[in-house]
ModelCIF file with pLDDT and N, C-alpha, C, O atoms, coordinates in Angstrom:
data_MODEL
#
_entry.id   MODEL 
#
_entity.id                         1 
_entity.type                       polymer 
_entity.pdbx_number_of_molecules   1 
#
_entity_poly.entity_id                      1 
_entity_poly.type                           'polypeptide(L)' 
_entity_poly.nstd_linkage                   no 
_entity_poly.nstd_monomer                   no 
_entity_poly.pdbx_seq_one_letter_code       AVSLTPSQLVCLRLVRALTGADAPLREIEDLVASDPALSLR 
_entity_poly.pdbx_seq_one_letter_code_can   AVSLTPSQLVCLRLVRALTGADAPLREIEDLVASDPALSLR 
_entity_poly.pdbx_strand_id                 A 
#
loop_
_entity_poly_seq.entity_id 
_entity_poly_seq.num 
_entity_poly_seq.mon_id 
_entity_poly_seq.hetero 
1 1  ALA n 
1 2  VAL n 
1 3  SER n 
1 4  LEU n 
1 5  THR n 
1 6  PRO n 
1 7  SER n 
1 8  GLN n 
1 9  LEU n 
1 10 VAL n 
1 11 CYS n 
1 12 LEU n 
1 13 ARG n 
1 14 LEU n 
1 15 VAL n 
1 16 ARG n 
1 17 ALA n 
1 18 LEU n 
1 19 THR n 
1 20 GLY n 
1 21 ALA n 
1 22 ASP n 
1 23 ALA n 
1 24 PRO n 
1 25 LEU n 
1 26 ARG n 
1 27 GLU n 
1 28 ILE n 
1 29 GLU n 
1 30 ASP n 
1 31 LEU n 
1 32 VAL n 
1 33 ALA n 
1 34 SER n 
1 35 ASP n 
1 36 PRO n 
1 37 ALA n 
1 38 LEU n 
1 39 SER n 
1 40 LEU n 
1 41 ARG n 
#
_struct_asym.id          A 
_struct_asym.entity_id   1 
#
loop_
_ma_qa_metric.id 
_ma_qa_metric.mode 
_ma_qa_metric.name 
_ma_qa_metric.software_group_id 
_ma_qa_metric.type 
1 global pLDDT . pLDDT 
2 local  pLDDT . pLDDT 
#
_ma_qa_metric_global.metric_id      1 
_ma_qa_metric_global.metric_value   74.83 
_ma_qa_metric_global.model_id       1 
_ma_qa_metric_global.ordinal_id     1 
#
loop_
_ma_qa_metric_local.label_asym_id 
_ma_qa_metric_local.label_comp_id 
_ma_qa_metric_local.label_seq_id 
_ma_qa_metric_local.metric_id 
_ma_qa_metric_local.metric_value 
_ma_qa_metric_local.model_id 
_ma_qa_metric_local.ordinal_id 
A ALA 1  2 62.00 1 1  
A VAL 2  2 58.00 1 2  
A SER 3  2 59.00 1 3  
A LEU 4  2 61.00 1 4  
A THR 5  2 63.00 1 5  
A PRO 6  2 65.00 1 6  
A SER 7  2 70.00 1 7  
A GLN 8  2 68.00 1 8  
A LEU 9  2 70.00 1 9  
A VAL 10 2 76.00 1 10 
A CYS 11 2 76.00 1 11 
A LEU 12 2 71.00 1 12 
A ARG 13 2 76.00 1 13 
A LEU 14 2 80.00 1 14 
A VAL 15 2 74.00 1 15 
A ARG 16 2 72.00 1 16 
A ALA 17 2 79.00 1 17 
A LEU 18 2 78.00 1 18 
A THR 19 2 64.00 1 19 
A GLY 20 2 61.00 1 20 
A ALA 21 2 60.00 1 21 
A ASP 22 2 70.00 1 22 
A ALA 23 2 76.00 1 23 
A PRO 24 2 83.00 1 24 
A LEU 25 2 82.00 1 25 
A ARG 26 2 83.00 1 26 
A GLU 27 2 84.00 1 27 
A ILE 28 2 86.00 1 28 
A GLU 29 2 84.00 1 29 
A ASP 30 2 84.00 1 30 
A LEU 31 2 84.00 1 31 
A VAL 32 2 86.00 1 32 
A ALA 33 2 82.00 1 33 
A SER 34 2 80.00 1 34 
A ASP 35 2 80.00 1 35 
A PRO 36 2 81.00 1 36 
A ALA 37 2 77.00 1 37 
A LEU 38 2 81.00 1 38 
A SER 39 2 83.00 1 39 
A LEU 40 2 81.00 1 40 
A ARG 41 2 78.00 1 41 
#
loop_
_atom_site.group_PDB 
_atom_site.id 
_atom_site.type_symbol 
_atom_site.label_atom_id 
_atom_site.label_alt_id 
_atom_site.label_comp_id 
_atom_site.label_asym_id 
_atom_site.label_entity_id 
_atom_site.label_seq_id 
_atom_site.pdbx_PDB_ins_code 
_atom_site.Cartn_x 
_atom_site.Cartn_y 
_atom_site.Cartn_z 
_atom_site.occupancy 
_atom_site.B_iso_or_equiv 
_atom_site.pdbx_formal_charge 
_atom_site.auth_seq_id 
_atom_site.auth_comp_id 
_atom_site.auth_asym_id 
_atom_site.auth_atom_id 
_atom_site.pdbx_PDB_model_num 
ATOM 1   N N  . ALA A 1 1  ? -20.887 -4.984 -7.899 1.00 62.00 ? 1  ALA A N  1 
ATOM 2   C CA . ALA A 1 1  ? -20.093 -6.026 -7.221 1.00 62.00 ? 1  ALA A CA 1 
ATOM 3   C C  . ALA A 1 1  ? -19.921 -5.820 -5.905 1.00 62.00 ? 1  ALA A C  1 
ATOM 4   O O  . ALA A 1 1  ? -20.301 -4.729 -5.480 1.00 62.00 ? 1  ALA A O  1 
ATOM 5   N N  . VAL A 1 2  ? -19.353 -6.732 -5.000 1.00 58.00 ? 2  VAL A N  1 
ATOM 6   C CA . VAL A 1 2  ? -18.790 -6.318 -3.762 1.00 58.00 ? 2  VAL A CA 1 
ATOM 7   C C  . VAL A 1 2  ? -17.318 -6.326 -3.874 1.00 58.00 ? 2  VAL A C  1 
ATOM 8   O O  . VAL A 1 2  ? -16.745 -6.998 -4.730 1.00 58.00 ? 2  VAL A O  1 
ATOM 9   N N  . SER A 1 3  ? -16.658 -5.532 -2.956 1.00 59.00 ? 3  SER A N  1 
ATOM 10  C CA . SER A 1 3  ? -15.322 -5.298 -3.084 1.00 59.00 ? 3  SER A CA 1 
ATOM 11  C C  . SER A 1 3  ? -14.678 -4.988 -1.659 1.00 59.00 ? 3  SER A C  1 
ATOM 12  O O  . SER A 1 3  ? -15.296 -4.324 -0.828 1.00 59.00 ? 3  SER A O  1 
ATOM 13  N N  . LEU A 1 4  ? -13.508 -5.461 -1.439 1.00 61.00 ? 4  LEU A N  1 
ATOM 14  C CA . LEU A 1 4  ? -12.877 -4.917 -0.219 1.00 61.00 ? 4  LEU A CA 1 
ATOM 15  C C  . LEU A 1 4  ? -12.378 -3.623 -0.567 1.00 61.00 ? 4  LEU A C  1 
ATOM 16  O O  . LEU A 1 4  ? -11.913 -3.359 -1.675 1.00 61.00 ? 4  LEU A O  1 
ATOM 17  N N  . THR A 1 5  ? -12.474 -2.831 0.366  1.00 63.00 ? 5  THR A N  1 
ATOM 18  C CA . THR A 1 5  ? -11.877 -1.382 0.340  1.00 63.00 ? 5  THR A CA 1 
ATOM 19  C C  . THR A 1 5  ? -10.572 -1.200 0.978  1.00 63.00 ? 5  THR A C  1 
ATOM 20  O O  . THR A 1 5  ? -10.350 -1.604 2.120  1.00 63.00 ? 5  THR A O  1 
ATOM 21  N N  . PRO A 1 6  ? -9.677  -0.575 0.228  1.00 65.00 ? 6  PRO A N  1 
ATOM 22  C CA . PRO A 1 6  ? -8.309  -0.389 0.855  1.00 65.00 ? 6  PRO A CA 1 
ATOM 23  C C  . PRO A 1 6  ? -8.423  0.509  1.948  1.00 65.00 ? 6  PRO A C  1 
ATOM 24  O O  . PRO A 1 6  ? -9.312  1.361  1.956  1.00 65.00 ? 6  PRO A O  1 
ATOM 25  N N  . SER A 1 7  ? -7.584  0.394  2.891  1.00 70.00 ? 7  SER A N  1 
ATOM 26  C CA . SER A 1 7  ? -7.466  1.231  4.118  1.00 70.00 ? 7  SER A CA 1 
ATOM 27  C C  . SER A 1 7  ? -6.744  2.484  3.682  1.00 70.00 ? 7  SER A C  1 
ATOM 28  O O  . SER A 1 7  ? -5.735  2.440  2.977  1.00 70.00 ? 7  SER A O  1 
ATOM 29  N N  . GLN A 1 8  ? -7.328  3.684  4.154  1.00 68.00 ? 8  GLN A N  1 
ATOM 30  C CA . GLN A 1 8  ? -6.796  5.005  3.802  1.00 68.00 ? 8  GLN A CA 1 
ATOM 31  C C  . GLN A 1 8  ? -5.354  5.195  4.612  1.00 68.00 ? 8  GLN A C  1 
ATOM 32  O O  . GLN A 1 8  ? -4.445  5.897  4.168  1.00 68.00 ? 8  GLN A O  1 
ATOM 33  N N  . LEU A 1 9  ? -5.289  4.546  5.723  1.00 70.00 ? 9  LEU A N  1 
ATOM 34  C CA . LEU A 1 9  ? -3.917  4.862  6.429  1.00 70.00 ? 9  LEU A CA 1 
ATOM 35  C C  . LEU A 1 9  ? -2.763  4.095  5.630  1.00 70.00 ? 9  LEU A C  1 
ATOM 36  O O  . LEU A 1 9  ? -1.652  4.618  5.533  1.00 70.00 ? 9  LEU A O  1 
ATOM 37  N N  . VAL A 1 10 ? -3.042  2.830  5.051  1.00 76.00 ? 10 VAL A N  1 
ATOM 38  C CA . VAL A 1 10 ? -1.991  2.257  4.310  1.00 76.00 ? 10 VAL A CA 1 
ATOM 39  C C  . VAL A 1 10 ? -1.810  2.877  3.058  1.00 76.00 ? 10 VAL A C  1 
ATOM 40  O O  . VAL A 1 10 ? -0.658  2.976  2.636  1.00 76.00 ? 10 VAL A O  1 
ATOM 41  N N  . CYS A 1 11 ? -2.954  3.406  2.249  1.00 76.00 ? 11 CYS A N  1 
ATOM 42  C CA . CYS A 1 11 ? -2.608  4.177  1.192  1.00 76.00 ? 11 CYS A CA 1 
ATOM 43  C C  . CYS A 1 11 ? -1.794  5.426  1.408  1.00 76.00 ? 11 CYS A C  1 
ATOM 44  O O  . CYS A 1 11 ? -0.891  5.710  0.620  1.00 76.00 ? 11 CYS A O  1 
ATOM 45  N N  . LEU A 1 12 ? -2.084  6.190  2.457  1.00 71.00 ? 12 LEU A N  1 
ATOM 46  C CA . LEU A 1 12 ? -1.317  7.295  2.675  1.00 71.00 ? 12 LEU A CA 1 
ATOM 47  C C  . LEU A 1 12 ? 0.072   7.077  3.112  1.00 71.00 ? 12 LEU A C  1 
ATOM 48  O O  . LEU A 1 12 ? 0.904   7.962  2.908  1.00 71.00 ? 12 LEU A O  1 
ATOM 49  N N  . ARG A 1 13 ? 0.416   5.903  3.733  1.00 76.00 ? 13 ARG A N  1 
ATOM 50  C CA . ARG A 1 13 ? 1.839   5.549  4.076  1.00 76.00 ? 13 ARG A CA 1 
ATOM 51  C C  . ARG A 1 13 ? 2.501   5.196  2.764  1.00 76.00 ? 13 ARG A C  1 
ATOM 52  O O  . ARG A 1 13 ? 3.661   5.513  2.499  1.00 76.00 ? 13 ARG A O  1 
ATOM 53  N N  . LEU A 1 14 ? 1.707   4.526  1.966  1.00 80.00 ? 14 LEU A N  1 
ATOM 54  C CA . LEU A 1 14 ? 2.445   4.015  0.649  1.00 80.00 ? 14 LEU A CA 1 
ATOM 55  C C  . LEU A 1 14 ? 2.680   5.187  -0.175 1.00 80.00 ? 14 LEU A C  1 
ATOM 56  O O  . LEU A 1 14 ? 3.790   5.325  -0.688 1.00 80.00 ? 14 LEU A O  1 
ATOM 57  N N  . VAL A 1 15 ? 1.683   6.127  -0.379 1.00 74.00 ? 15 VAL A N  1 
ATOM 58  C CA . VAL A 1 15 ? 2.110   7.386  -1.084 1.00 74.00 ? 15 VAL A CA 1 
ATOM 59  C C  . VAL A 1 15 ? 3.386   7.953  -0.662 1.00 74.00 ? 15 VAL A C  1 
ATOM 60  O O  . VAL A 1 15 ? 4.307   8.185  -1.444 1.00 74.00 ? 15 VAL A O  1 
ATOM 61  N N  . ARG A 1 16 ? 3.422   8.204  0.777  1.00 72.00 ? 16 ARG A N  1 
ATOM 62  C CA . ARG A 1 16 ? 4.699   8.747  1.347  1.00 72.00 ? 16 ARG A CA 1 
ATOM 63  C C  . ARG A 1 16 ? 6.007   8.009  1.025  1.00 72.00 ? 16 ARG A C  1 
ATOM 64  O O  . ARG A 1 16 ? 7.056   8.599  0.765  1.00 72.00 ? 16 ARG A O  1 
ATOM 65  N N  . ALA A 1 17 ? 5.863   6.633  1.065  1.00 79.00 ? 17 ALA A N  1 
ATOM 66  C CA . ALA A 1 17 ? 7.007   5.751  0.726  1.00 79.00 ? 17 ALA A CA 1 
ATOM 67  C C  . ALA A 1 17 ? 7.455   5.961  -0.684 1.00 79.00 ? 17 ALA A C  1 
ATOM 68  O O  . ALA A 1 17 ? 8.642   6.131  -0.961 1.00 79.00 ? 17 ALA A O  1 
ATOM 69  N N  . LEU A 1 18 ? 6.330   5.947  -1.728 1.00 78.00 ? 18 LEU A N  1 
ATOM 70  C CA . LEU A 1 18 ? 6.615   5.813  -3.005 1.00 78.00 ? 18 LEU A CA 1 
ATOM 71  C C  . LEU A 1 18 ? 7.209   7.169  -3.500 1.00 78.00 ? 18 LEU A C  1 
ATOM 72  O O  . LEU A 1 18 ? 8.067   7.157  -4.383 1.00 78.00 ? 18 LEU A O  1 
ATOM 73  N N  . THR A 1 19 ? 6.759   8.370  -2.935 1.00 64.00 ? 19 THR A N  1 
ATOM 74  C CA . THR A 1 19 ? 7.222   9.614  -3.292 1.00 64.00 ? 19 THR A CA 1 
ATOM 75  C C  . THR A 1 19 ? 8.444   10.156 -2.432 1.00 64.00 ? 19 THR A C  1 
ATOM 76  O O  . THR A 1 19 ? 8.945   11.261 -2.642 1.00 64.00 ? 19 THR A O  1 
ATOM 77  N N  . GLY A 1 20 ? 8.849   9.338  -1.511 1.00 61.00 ? 20 GLY A N  1 
ATOM 78  C CA . GLY A 1 20 ? 9.926   9.850  -0.665 1.00 61.00 ? 20 GLY A CA 1 
ATOM 79  C C  . GLY A 1 20 ? 11.293  9.548  -1.239 1.00 61.00 ? 20 GLY A C  1 
ATOM 80  O O  . GLY A 1 20 ? 11.375  9.339  -2.449 1.00 61.00 ? 20 GLY A O  1 
ATOM 81  N N  . ALA A 1 21 ? 12.439  9.506  -0.429 1.00 60.00 ? 21 ALA A N  1 
ATOM 82  C CA . ALA A 1 21 ? 13.803  9.221  -0.997 1.00 60.00 ? 21 ALA A CA 1 
ATOM 83  C C  . ALA A 1 21 ? 13.995  7.630  -1.246 1.00 60.00 ? 21 ALA A C  1 
ATOM 84  O O  . ALA A 1 21 ? 14.576  6.896  -0.446 1.00 60.00 ? 21 ALA A O  1 
ATOM 85  N N  . ASP A 1 22 ? 13.544  7.294  -2.212 1.00 70.00 ? 22 ASP A N  1 
ATOM 86  C CA . ASP A 1 22 ? 14.009  5.764  -2.681 1.00 70.00 ? 22 ASP A CA 1 
ATOM 87  C C  . ASP A 1 22 ? 13.773  4.937  -1.535 1.00 70.00 ? 22 ASP A C  1 
ATOM 88  O O  . ASP A 1 22 ? 14.725  4.492  -0.895 1.00 70.00 ? 22 ASP A O  1 
ATOM 89  N N  . ALA A 1 23 ? 12.414  4.658  -1.177 1.00 76.00 ? 23 ALA A N  1 
ATOM 90  C CA . ALA A 1 23 ? 12.166  3.701  -0.266 1.00 76.00 ? 23 ALA A CA 1 
ATOM 91  C C  . ALA A 1 23 ? 12.379  2.306  -0.806 1.00 76.00 ? 23 ALA A C  1 
ATOM 92  O O  . ALA A 1 23 ? 11.880  2.003  -1.890 1.00 76.00 ? 23 ALA A O  1 
ATOM 93  N N  . PRO A 1 24 ? 13.156  1.364  -0.048 1.00 83.00 ? 24 PRO A N  1 
ATOM 94  C CA . PRO A 1 24 ? 13.430  0.137  -0.514 1.00 83.00 ? 24 PRO A CA 1 
ATOM 95  C C  . PRO A 1 24 ? 12.262  -0.790 -1.174 1.00 83.00 ? 24 PRO A C  1 
ATOM 96  O O  . PRO A 1 24 ? 11.100  -0.544 -0.849 1.00 83.00 ? 24 PRO A O  1 
ATOM 97  N N  . LEU A 1 25 ? 12.506  -1.758 -2.012 1.00 82.00 ? 25 LEU A N  1 
ATOM 98  C CA . LEU A 1 25 ? 11.248  -2.450 -2.579 1.00 82.00 ? 25 LEU A CA 1 
ATOM 99  C C  . LEU A 1 25 ? 10.727  -3.212 -1.546 1.00 82.00 ? 25 LEU A C  1 
ATOM 100 O O  . LEU A 1 25 ? 9.505   -3.358 -1.562 1.00 82.00 ? 25 LEU A O  1 
ATOM 101 N N  . ARG A 1 26 ? 11.429  -3.797 -0.544 1.00 83.00 ? 26 ARG A N  1 
ATOM 102 C CA . ARG A 1 26 ? 10.837  -4.539 0.574  1.00 83.00 ? 26 ARG A CA 1 
ATOM 103 C C  . ARG A 1 26 ? 9.789   -3.721 1.267  1.00 83.00 ? 26 ARG A C  1 
ATOM 104 O O  . ARG A 1 26 ? 8.690   -4.226 1.495  1.00 83.00 ? 26 ARG A O  1 
ATOM 105 N N  . GLU A 1 27 ? 10.057  -2.517 1.606  1.00 84.00 ? 27 GLU A N  1 
ATOM 106 C CA . GLU A 1 27 ? 9.231   -1.505 2.357  1.00 84.00 ? 27 GLU A CA 1 
ATOM 107 C C  . GLU A 1 27 ? 7.830   -1.413 1.509  1.00 84.00 ? 27 GLU A C  1 
ATOM 108 O O  . GLU A 1 27 ? 6.735   -1.503 2.065  1.00 84.00 ? 27 GLU A O  1 
ATOM 109 N N  . ILE A 1 28 ? 7.975   -1.243 0.258  1.00 86.00 ? 28 ILE A N  1 
ATOM 110 C CA . ILE A 1 28 ? 6.735   -1.106 -0.645 1.00 86.00 ? 28 ILE A CA 1 
ATOM 111 C C  . ILE A 1 28 ? 6.108   -2.377 -0.697 1.00 86.00 ? 28 ILE A C  1 
ATOM 112 O O  . ILE A 1 28 ? 4.879   -2.368 -0.628 1.00 86.00 ? 28 ILE A O  1 
ATOM 113 N N  . GLU A 1 29 ? 6.730   -3.552 -0.812 1.00 84.00 ? 29 GLU A N  1 
ATOM 114 C CA . GLU A 1 29 ? 6.038   -4.917 -0.741 1.00 84.00 ? 29 GLU A CA 1 
ATOM 115 C C  . GLU A 1 29 ? 5.344   -5.095 0.576  1.00 84.00 ? 29 GLU A C  1 
ATOM 116 O O  . GLU A 1 29 ? 4.181   -5.499 0.571  1.00 84.00 ? 29 GLU A O  1 
ATOM 117 N N  . ASP A 1 30 ? 5.931   -4.840 1.657  1.00 84.00 ? 30 ASP A N  1 
ATOM 118 C CA . ASP A 1 30 ? 5.305   -4.975 2.984  1.00 84.00 ? 30 ASP A CA 1 
ATOM 119 C C  . ASP A 1 30 ? 4.011   -4.102 3.080  1.00 84.00 ? 30 ASP A C  1 
ATOM 120 O O  . ASP A 1 30 ? 3.017   -4.531 3.665  1.00 84.00 ? 30 ASP A O  1 
ATOM 121 N N  . LEU A 1 31 ? 4.042   -2.934 2.525  1.00 84.00 ? 31 LEU A N  1 
ATOM 122 C CA . LEU A 1 31 ? 2.788   -2.053 2.707  1.00 84.00 ? 31 LEU A CA 1 
ATOM 123 C C  . LEU A 1 31 ? 1.780   -2.527 1.841  1.00 84.00 ? 31 LEU A C  1 
ATOM 124 O O  . LEU A 1 31 ? 0.621   -2.576 2.252  1.00 84.00 ? 31 LEU A O  1 
ATOM 125 N N  . VAL A 1 32 ? 2.071   -2.889 0.683  1.00 86.00 ? 32 VAL A N  1 
ATOM 126 C CA . VAL A 1 32 ? 0.884   -3.404 -0.228 1.00 86.00 ? 32 VAL A CA 1 
ATOM 127 C C  . VAL A 1 32 ? 0.391   -4.741 0.352  1.00 86.00 ? 32 VAL A C  1 
ATOM 128 O O  . VAL A 1 32 ? -0.809  -5.012 0.304  1.00 86.00 ? 32 VAL A O  1 
ATOM 129 N N  . ALA A 1 33 ? 1.185   -5.488 0.837  1.00 82.00 ? 33 ALA A N  1 
ATOM 130 C CA . ALA A 1 33 ? 0.861   -6.900 1.330  1.00 82.00 ? 33 ALA A CA 1 
ATOM 131 C C  . ALA A 1 33 ? 0.097   -6.785 2.664  1.00 82.00 ? 33 ALA A C  1 
ATOM 132 O O  . ALA A 1 33 ? -0.648  -7.700 3.017  1.00 82.00 ? 33 ALA A O  1 
ATOM 133 N N  . SER A 1 34 ? 0.256   -5.752 3.360  1.00 80.00 ? 34 SER A N  1 
ATOM 134 C CA . SER A 1 34 ? -0.418  -5.540 4.585  1.00 80.00 ? 34 SER A CA 1 
ATOM 135 C C  . SER A 1 34 ? -1.896  -5.174 4.371  1.00 80.00 ? 34 SER A C  1 
ATOM 136 O O  . SER A 1 34 ? -2.678  -5.192 5.322  1.00 80.00 ? 34 SER A O  1 
ATOM 137 N N  . ASP A 1 35 ? -2.290  -4.835 3.105  1.00 80.00 ? 35 ASP A N  1 
ATOM 138 C CA . ASP A 1 35 ? -3.731  -4.535 2.732  1.00 80.00 ? 35 ASP A CA 1 
ATOM 139 C C  . ASP A 1 35 ? -4.220  -5.548 1.721  1.00 80.00 ? 35 ASP A C  1 
ATOM 140 O O  . ASP A 1 35 ? -3.783  -5.560 0.570  1.00 80.00 ? 35 ASP A O  1 
ATOM 141 N N  . PRO A 1 36 ? -5.138  -6.404 2.166  1.00 81.00 ? 36 PRO A N  1 
ATOM 142 C CA . PRO A 1 36 ? -5.475  -7.334 1.124  1.00 81.00 ? 36 PRO A CA 1 
ATOM 143 C C  . PRO A 1 36 ? -6.272  -6.778 0.049  1.00 81.00 ? 36 PRO A C  1 
ATOM 144 O O  . PRO A 1 36 ? -6.286  -7.350 -1.041 1.00 81.00 ? 36 PRO A O  1 
ATOM 145 N N  . ALA A 1 37 ? -7.006  -5.612 0.269  1.00 77.00 ? 37 ALA A N  1 
ATOM 146 C CA . ALA A 1 37 ? -7.793  -5.026 -0.748 1.00 77.00 ? 37 ALA A CA 1 
ATOM 147 C C  . ALA A 1 37 ? -6.883  -4.422 -1.926 1.00 77.00 ? 37 ALA A C  1 
ATOM 148 O O  . ALA A 1 37 ? -7.152  -4.526 -3.123 1.00 77.00 ? 37 ALA A O  1 
ATOM 149 N N  . LEU A 1 38 ? -5.755  -3.769 -1.384 1.00 81.00 ? 38 LEU A N  1 
ATOM 150 C CA . LEU A 1 38 ? -4.883  -3.194 -2.303 1.00 81.00 ? 38 LEU A CA 1 
ATOM 151 C C  . LEU A 1 38 ? -4.069  -4.294 -3.018 1.00 81.00 ? 38 LEU A C  1 
ATOM 152 O O  . LEU A 1 38 ? -3.856  -4.144 -4.222 1.00 81.00 ? 38 LEU A O  1 
ATOM 153 N N  . SER A 1 39 ? -3.644  -5.273 -2.448 1.00 83.00 ? 39 SER A N  1 
ATOM 154 C CA . SER A 1 39 ? -3.086  -6.408 -2.985 1.00 83.00 ? 39 SER A CA 1 
ATOM 155 C C  . SER A 1 39 ? -3.736  -6.968 -4.066 1.00 83.00 ? 39 SER A C  1 
ATOM 156 O O  . SER A 1 39 ? -3.123  -7.224 -5.102 1.00 83.00 ? 39 SER A O  1 
ATOM 157 N N  . LEU A 1 40 ? -5.088  -7.218 -3.911 1.00 81.00 ? 40 LEU A N  1 
ATOM 158 C CA . LEU A 1 40 ? -6.069  -7.657 -4.917 1.00 81.00 ? 40 LEU A CA 1 
ATOM 159 C C  . LEU A 1 40 ? -6.042  -6.996 -6.161 1.00 81.00 ? 40 LEU A C  1 
ATOM 160 O O  . LEU A 1 40 ? -5.897  -7.569 -7.241 1.00 81.00 ? 40 LEU A O  1 
ATOM 161 N N  . ARG A 1 41 ? -6.214  -5.513 -5.963 1.00 78.00 ? 41 ARG A N  1 
ATOM 162 C CA . ARG A 1 41 ? -6.380  -4.503 -6.975 1.00 78.00 ? 41 ARG A CA 1 
ATOM 163 C C  . ARG A 1 41 ? -4.972  -4.593 -7.795 1.00 78.00 ? 41 ARG A C  1 
ATOM 164 O O  . ARG A 1 41 ? -4.768  -3.849 -8.754 1.00 78.00 ? 41 ARG A O  1 
#
């Protein structure tokens, strides 16, 4: 199949947010929403 591939930079920032000191849900949502490929997955 063909697929959109997520951005490495967005993924790295999201990992930091998810493993940090309780990043707010809005920040998590904004990061996921900023990458269409990640959103689709």
